[in-house]
């Protein structure tokens, strides 16, 4: 029961905290919410690695967004449009909707050995699809762009919480069986 509540409450807390913060503090608040809600599962080493991995993926995501936008602009010209979708919108979809969540989970799995990227790939891909579809809807109906960050935070926090509660429980159970 507590696990189910955590899986639902943590993403909601992440989204609620997003409304009150500066853009560059987003990963910090996201990590604080995840860490504070998972004190039982996270030790100080995992917490530190989680903060580092989150900021690395955040910065790489921003760089990828800039790179993809410039690449699309060079290849497709500035006037490229699909309905009201411009180059910036398409690069945002690719970078934030696809590459950023994959990077986030992959970098965290490299830093935190209890998170297995390949075992959770199905969950992660479902999250990528949900984020991408939400971004398509947001841009198709001219909804405020901050909503995209909120969707990203909610979906990634939901999947991450699900992975943490499943993978961390499985590793602790395996360690108990060994002893």
C-alpha atoms as a PDB file:
ATOM      1  CA  UNK A   1       0.000   0.000   0.000  1.00  0.00           C
ATOM      2  CA  UNK A   2       2.801   2.430   0.932  1.00  0.00           C
ATOM      3  CA  UNK A   3       4.659   1.554  -2.278  1.00  0.00           C
ATOM      4  CA  UNK A   4       1.637   2.405  -4.399  1.00  0.00           C
ATOM      5  CA  UNK A   5       1.159   5.678  -2.550  1.00  0.00           C
ATOM      6  CA  UNK A   6       4.837   6.561  -3.077  1.00  0.00           C
ATOM      7  CA  UNK A   7       4.620   5.803  -6.795  1.00  0.00           C
ATOM      8  CA  UNK A   8       1.726   8.263  -7.103  1.00  0.00           C
ATOM      9  CA  UNK A   9       2.637  10.939  -4.534  1.00  0.00           C
ATOM     10  CA  UNK A  10       6.284  11.482  -5.564  1.00  0.00           C
ATOM     11  CA  UNK A  11       5.495  12.545  -9.169  1.00  0.00           C
ATOM     12  CA  UNK A  12       2.769  14.867  -7.903  1.00  0.00           C
ATOM     13  CA  UNK A  13       5.206  16.476  -5.450  1.00  0.00           C
ATOM     14  CA  UNK A  14       7.755  16.911  -8.250  1.00  0.00           C
ATOM     15  CA  UNK A  15       5.218  18.695 -10.443  1.00  0.00           C
ATOM     16  CA  UNK A  16       3.962  20.875  -7.599  1.00  0.00           C
ATOM     17  CA  UNK A  17       7.502  21.929  -6.691  1.00  0.00           C
ATOM     18  CA  UNK A  18       8.245  22.794 -10.324  1.00  0.00           C
ATOM     19  CA  UNK A  19       5.882  25.763 -10.213  1.00  0.00           C
ATOM     20  CA  UNK A  20       7.975  27.660  -7.693  1.00  0.00           C
ATOM     21  CA  UNK A  21      11.518  27.304  -8.983  1.00  0.00           C
ATOM     22  CA  UNK A  22      14.066  28.681 -11.406  1.00  0.00           C
ATOM     23  CA  UNK A  23      14.906  26.694 -14.557  1.00  0.00           C
ATOM     24  CA  UNK A  24      18.460  25.811 -13.421  1.00  0.00           C
ATOM     25  CA  UNK A  25      17.250  24.527 -10.058  1.00  0.00           C
ATOM     26  CA  UNK A  26      14.799  22.039 -11.602  1.00  0.00           C
ATOM     27  CA  UNK A  27      17.153  19.018 -11.285  1.00  0.00           C
ATOM     28  CA  UNK A  28      18.051  19.967  -7.711  1.00  0.00           C
ATOM     29  CA  UNK A  29      14.423  20.130  -6.539  1.00  0.00           C
ATOM     30  CA  UNK A  30      13.563  16.987  -8.542  1.00  0.00           C
ATOM     31  CA  UNK A  31      16.425  15.116  -6.832  1.00  0.00           C
ATOM     32  CA  UNK A  32      15.492  16.447  -3.403  1.00  0.00           C
ATOM     33  CA  UNK A  33      11.901  15.266  -3.764  1.00  0.00           C
ATOM     34  CA  UNK A  34      12.961  11.815  -5.015  1.00  0.00           C
ATOM     35  CA  UNK A  35      15.666  11.471  -2.354  1.00  0.00           C
ATOM     36  CA  UNK A  36      13.545  12.643   0.569  1.00  0.00           C
ATOM     37  CA  UNK A  37      10.729  10.310  -0.415  1.00  0.00           C
ATOM     38  CA  UNK A  38      13.151   7.386  -0.713  1.00  0.00           C
ATOM     39  CA  UNK A  39      15.335   7.815   2.361  1.00  0.00           C
ATOM     40  CA  UNK A  40      14.947   4.133   3.175  1.00  0.00           C
ATOM     41  CA  UNK A  41      16.236   3.090  -0.253  1.00  0.00           C
ATOM     42  CA  UNK A  42      18.897   5.792  -0.762  1.00  0.00           C
ATOM     43  CA  UNK A  43      22.119   6.015   1.210  1.00  0.00           C
ATOM     44  CA  UNK A  44      24.457   9.018   1.017  1.00  0.00           C
ATOM     45  CA  UNK A  45      26.508   7.544  -1.844  1.00  0.00           C
ATOM     46  CA  UNK A  46      23.445   6.805  -3.964  1.00  0.00           C
ATOM     47  CA  UNK A  47      22.029  10.267  -3.201  1.00  0.00           C
ATOM     48  CA  UNK A  48      25.242  11.981  -4.298  1.00  0.00           C
ATOM     49  CA  UNK A  49      25.454   9.892  -7.493  1.00  0.00           C
ATOM     50  CA  UNK A  50      21.788  10.562  -8.234  1.00  0.00           C
ATOM     51  CA  UNK A  51      22.307  14.343  -7.956  1.00  0.00           C
ATOM     52  CA  UNK A  52      25.403  14.223 -10.195  1.00  0.00           C
ATOM     53  CA  UNK A  53      23.728  11.966 -12.789  1.00  0.00           C
ATOM     54  CA  UNK A  54      20.622  14.159 -12.876  1.00  0.00           C
ATOM     55  CA  UNK A  55      22.603  17.344 -13.493  1.00  0.00           C
ATOM     56  CA  UNK A  56      24.788  15.655 -16.117  1.00  0.00           C
ATOM     57  CA  UNK A  57      21.723  14.456 -18.023  1.00  0.00           C
ATOM     58  CA  UNK A  58      20.064  17.885 -17.625  1.00  0.00           C
ATOM     59  CA  UNK A  59      23.062  19.726 -19.081  1.00  0.00           C
ATOM     60  CA  UNK A  60      23.564  17.177 -21.862  1.00  0.00           C
ATOM     61  CA  UNK A  61      19.845  17.454 -22.670  1.00  0.00           C
ATOM     62  CA  UNK A  62      20.152  21.225 -23.048  1.00  0.00           C
ATOM     63  CA  UNK A  63      23.232  20.829 -25.257  1.00  0.00           C
ATOM     64  CA  UNK A  64      21.492  18.194 -27.389  1.00  0.00           C
ATOM     65  CA  UNK A  65      18.470  20.491 -27.741  1.00  0.00           C
ATOM     66  CA  UNK A  66      20.731  23.311 -28.969  1.00  0.00           C
ATOM     67  CA  UNK A  67      22.652  21.004 -31.290  1.00  0.00           C
ATOM     68  CA  UNK A  68      19.528  19.449 -32.817  1.00  0.00           C
ATOM     69  CA  UNK A  69      17.912  22.881 -33.266  1.00  0.00           C
ATOM     70  CA  UNK A  70      20.988  24.233 -35.051  1.00  0.00           C
ATOM     71  CA  UNK A  71      21.340  21.074 -37.142  1.00  0.00           C
ATOM     72  CA  UNK A  72      17.676  21.198 -38.217  1.00  0.00           C
ATOM     73  CA  UNK A  73      18.030  24.893 -38.970  1.00  0.00           C
ATOM     74  CA  UNK A  74      21.055  24.261 -41.212  1.00  0.00           C
ATOM     75  CA  UNK A  75      19.545  21.286 -43.006  1.00  0.00           C
ATOM     76  CA  UNK A  76      15.894  22.330 -43.280  1.00  0.00           C
ATOM     77  CA  UNK A  77      16.155  26.146 -43.398  1.00  0.00           C
ATOM     78  CA  UNK A  78      14.506  28.530 -40.949  1.00  0.00           C
ATOM     79  CA  UNK A  79      11.165  28.635 -42.744  1.00  0.00           C
ATOM     80  CA  UNK A  80      10.504  24.907 -42.311  1.00  0.00           C
ATOM     81  CA  UNK A  81       7.026  24.334 -40.863  1.00  0.00           C
ATOM     82  CA  UNK A  82       4.733  21.359 -40.344  1.00  0.00           C
ATOM     83  CA  UNK A  83       1.396  22.949 -39.480  1.00  0.00           C
ATOM     84  CA  UNK A  84       2.447  25.304 -36.668  1.00  0.00           C
ATOM     85  CA  UNK A  85       5.472  23.181 -35.820  1.00  0.00           C
ATOM     86  CA  UNK A  86       8.710  25.013 -36.443  1.00  0.00           C
ATOM     87  CA  UNK A  87      12.284  23.849 -36.131  1.00  0.00           C
ATOM     88  CA  UNK A  88      12.420  24.814 -32.458  1.00  0.00           C
ATOM     89  CA  UNK A  89       9.331  22.738 -31.687  1.00  0.00           C
ATOM     90  CA  UNK A  90      10.650  19.671 -33.509  1.00  0.00           C
ATOM     91  CA  UNK A  91      14.061  19.898 -31.856  1.00  0.00           C
ATOM     92  CA  UNK A  92      12.333  20.324 -28.474  1.00  0.00           C
ATOM     93  CA  UNK A  93      10.275  17.195 -29.111  1.00  0.00           C
ATOM     94  CA  UNK A  94      13.317  15.142 -30.103  1.00  0.00           C
ATOM     95  CA  UNK A  95      15.581  16.430 -27.312  1.00  0.00           C
ATOM     96  CA  UNK A  96      13.129  16.676 -24.410  1.00  0.00           C
ATOM     97  CA  UNK A  97      10.659  13.977 -25.401  1.00  0.00           C
ATOM     98  CA  UNK A  98      13.031  11.260 -26.567  1.00  0.00           C
ATOM     99  CA  UNK A  99      16.714  11.847 -25.878  1.00  0.00           C
ATOM    100  CA  UNK A 100      16.490  13.505 -22.451  1.00  0.00           C
ATOM    101  CA  UNK A 101      14.507  10.764 -20.646  1.00  0.00           C
ATOM    102  CA  UNK A 102      16.671   8.049 -22.196  1.00  0.00           C
ATOM    103  CA  UNK A 103      19.806   9.920 -21.130  1.00  0.00           C
ATOM    104  CA  UNK A 104      18.443  10.487 -17.635  1.00  0.00           C
ATOM    105  CA  UNK A 105      17.764   6.812 -17.010  1.00  0.00           C
ATOM    106  CA  UNK A 106      20.921   5.605 -18.754  1.00  0.00           C
ATOM    107  CA  UNK A 107      23.272   7.944 -16.859  1.00  0.00           C
ATOM    108  CA  UNK A 108      21.560   7.097 -13.569  1.00  0.00           C
ATOM    109  CA  UNK A 109      21.944   3.389 -14.320  1.00  0.00           C
ATOM    110  CA  UNK A 110      25.671   3.908 -14.952  1.00  0.00           C
ATOM    111  CA  UNK A 111      26.127   5.763 -11.664  1.00  0.00           C
ATOM    112  CA  UNK A 112      23.724   3.736  -9.499  1.00  0.00           C
ATOM    113  CA  UNK A 113      24.272   0.016  -9.998  1.00  0.00           C
ATOM    114  CA  UNK A 114      20.920  -0.896  -8.427  1.00  0.00           C
ATOM    115  CA  UNK A 115      19.120   0.703 -11.392  1.00  0.00           C
ATOM    116  CA  UNK A 116      19.360  -1.573 -14.416  1.00  0.00           C
ATOM    117  CA  UNK A 117      18.671   0.345 -17.648  1.00  0.00           C
ATOM    118  CA  UNK A 118      18.147  -2.668 -19.895  1.00  0.00           C
ATOM    119  CA  UNK A 119      15.848  -4.537 -17.516  1.00  0.00           C
ATOM    120  CA  UNK A 120      13.673  -1.415 -17.267  1.00  0.00           C
ATOM    121  CA  UNK A 121      13.836  -0.441 -20.927  1.00  0.00           C
ATOM    122  CA  UNK A 122      10.185  -1.295 -21.568  1.00  0.00           C
ATOM    123  CA  UNK A 123       9.043   1.042 -18.753  1.00  0.00           C
ATOM    124  CA  UNK A 124      11.412   3.760 -19.936  1.00  0.00           C
ATOM    125  CA  UNK A 125      10.226   3.516 -23.549  1.00  0.00           C
ATOM    126  CA  UNK A 126       6.602   3.724 -22.440  1.00  0.00           C
ATOM    127  CA  UNK A 127       7.544   6.910 -20.570  1.00  0.00           C
ATOM    128  CA  UNK A 128       9.287   8.296 -23.667  1.00  0.00           C
ATOM    129  CA  UNK A 129       6.186   7.617 -25.753  1.00  0.00           C
ATOM    130  CA  UNK A 130       3.924   9.298 -23.179  1.00  0.00           C
ATOM    131  CA  UNK A 131       6.191  12.364 -22.957  1.00  0.00           C
ATOM    132  CA  UNK A 132       6.482  12.626 -26.750  1.00  0.00           C
ATOM    133  CA  UNK A 133       2.737  12.324 -27.292  1.00  0.00           C
ATOM    134  CA  UNK A 134       2.088  14.923 -24.591  1.00  0.00           C
ATOM    135  CA  UNK A 135       4.564  17.312 -26.237  1.00  0.00           C
ATOM    136  CA  UNK A 136       2.901  16.779 -29.606  1.00  0.00           C
ATOM    137  CA  UNK A 137      -0.473  17.653 -28.079  1.00  0.00           C
ATOM    138  CA  UNK A 138       0.998  20.664 -26.251  1.00  0.00           C
ATOM    139  CA  UNK A 139       2.484  22.106 -29.429  1.00  0.00           C
ATOM    140  CA  UNK A 140      -0.468  21.186 -31.626  1.00  0.00           C
ATOM    141  CA  UNK A 141      -2.909  23.077 -29.410  1.00  0.00           C
ATOM    142  CA  UNK A 142      -0.567  25.929 -28.393  1.00  0.00           C
ATOM    143  CA  UNK A 143      -0.653  25.038 -24.706  1.00  0.00           C
ATOM    144  CA  UNK A 144       1.844  26.912 -22.513  1.00  0.00           C
ATOM    145  CA  UNK A 145       5.336  25.367 -22.870  1.00  0.00           C
ATOM    146  CA  UNK A 146       5.856  25.033 -19.085  1.00  0.00           C
ATOM    147  CA  UNK A 147       3.312  22.251 -19.227  1.00  0.00           C
ATOM    148  CA  UNK A 148       5.901  20.201 -21.168  1.00  0.00           C
ATOM    149  CA  UNK A 149       8.318  20.375 -18.225  1.00  0.00           C
ATOM    150  CA  UNK A 150       5.556  19.329 -15.865  1.00  0.00           C
ATOM    151  CA  UNK A 151       4.651  16.332 -18.022  1.00  0.00           C
ATOM    152  CA  UNK A 152       8.331  15.364 -18.266  1.00  0.00           C
ATOM    153  CA  UNK A 153       8.797  15.622 -14.496  1.00  0.00           C
ATOM    154  CA  UNK A 154       5.634  13.674 -13.733  1.00  0.00           C
ATOM    155  CA  UNK A 155       6.309  10.813 -16.146  1.00  0.00           C
ATOM    156  CA  UNK A 156      10.015  10.491 -15.330  1.00  0.00           C
ATOM    157  CA  UNK A 157       9.365  10.670 -11.564  1.00  0.00           C
ATOM    158  CA  UNK A 158       6.602   8.067 -11.888  1.00  0.00           C
ATOM    159  CA  UNK A 159       8.793   5.635 -13.827  1.00  0.00           C
ATOM    160  CA  UNK A 160      11.828   6.332 -11.648  1.00  0.00           C
ATOM    161  CA  UNK A 161       9.806   5.740  -8.502  1.00  0.00           C
ATOM    162  CA  UNK A 162       8.488   2.488  -9.934  1.00  0.00           C
ATOM    163  CA  UNK A 163      12.036   1.389 -10.841  1.00  0.00           C
ATOM    164  CA  UNK A 164      13.475   2.400  -7.459  1.00  0.00           C
ATOM    165  CA  UNK A 165      10.843   0.540  -5.487  1.00  0.00           C
ATOM    166  CA  UNK A 166      11.154  -2.587  -7.646  1.00  0.00           C
ATOM    167  CA  UNK A 167      14.918  -2.716  -8.262  1.00  0.00           C
ATOM    168  CA  UNK A 168      16.010  -1.624  -4.808  1.00  0.00           C
ATOM    169  CA  UNK A 169      13.690  -4.150  -3.151  1.00  0.00           C
ATOM    170  CA  UNK A 170      14.944  -6.925  -5.434  1.00  0.00           C
ATOM    171  CA  UNK A 171      18.610  -6.177  -4.697  1.00  0.00           C
ATOM    172  CA  UNK A 172      18.043  -6.039  -0.951  1.00  0.00           C
ATOM    173  CA  UNK A 173      16.134  -9.338  -1.124  1.00  0.00           C
ATOM    174  CA  UNK A 174      19.003 -10.894  -3.099  1.00  0.00           C
ATOM    175  CA  UNK A 175      21.543  -9.614  -0.553  1.00  0.00           C
ATOM    176  CA  UNK A 176      19.467 -11.113   2.262  1.00  0.00           C
ATOM    177  CA  UNK A 177      19.359 -14.474   0.490  1.00  0.00           C
ATOM    178  CA  UNK A 178      23.164 -14.480   0.105  1.00  0.00           C
ATOM    179  CA  UNK A 179      23.718 -13.939   3.825  1.00  0.00           C
END
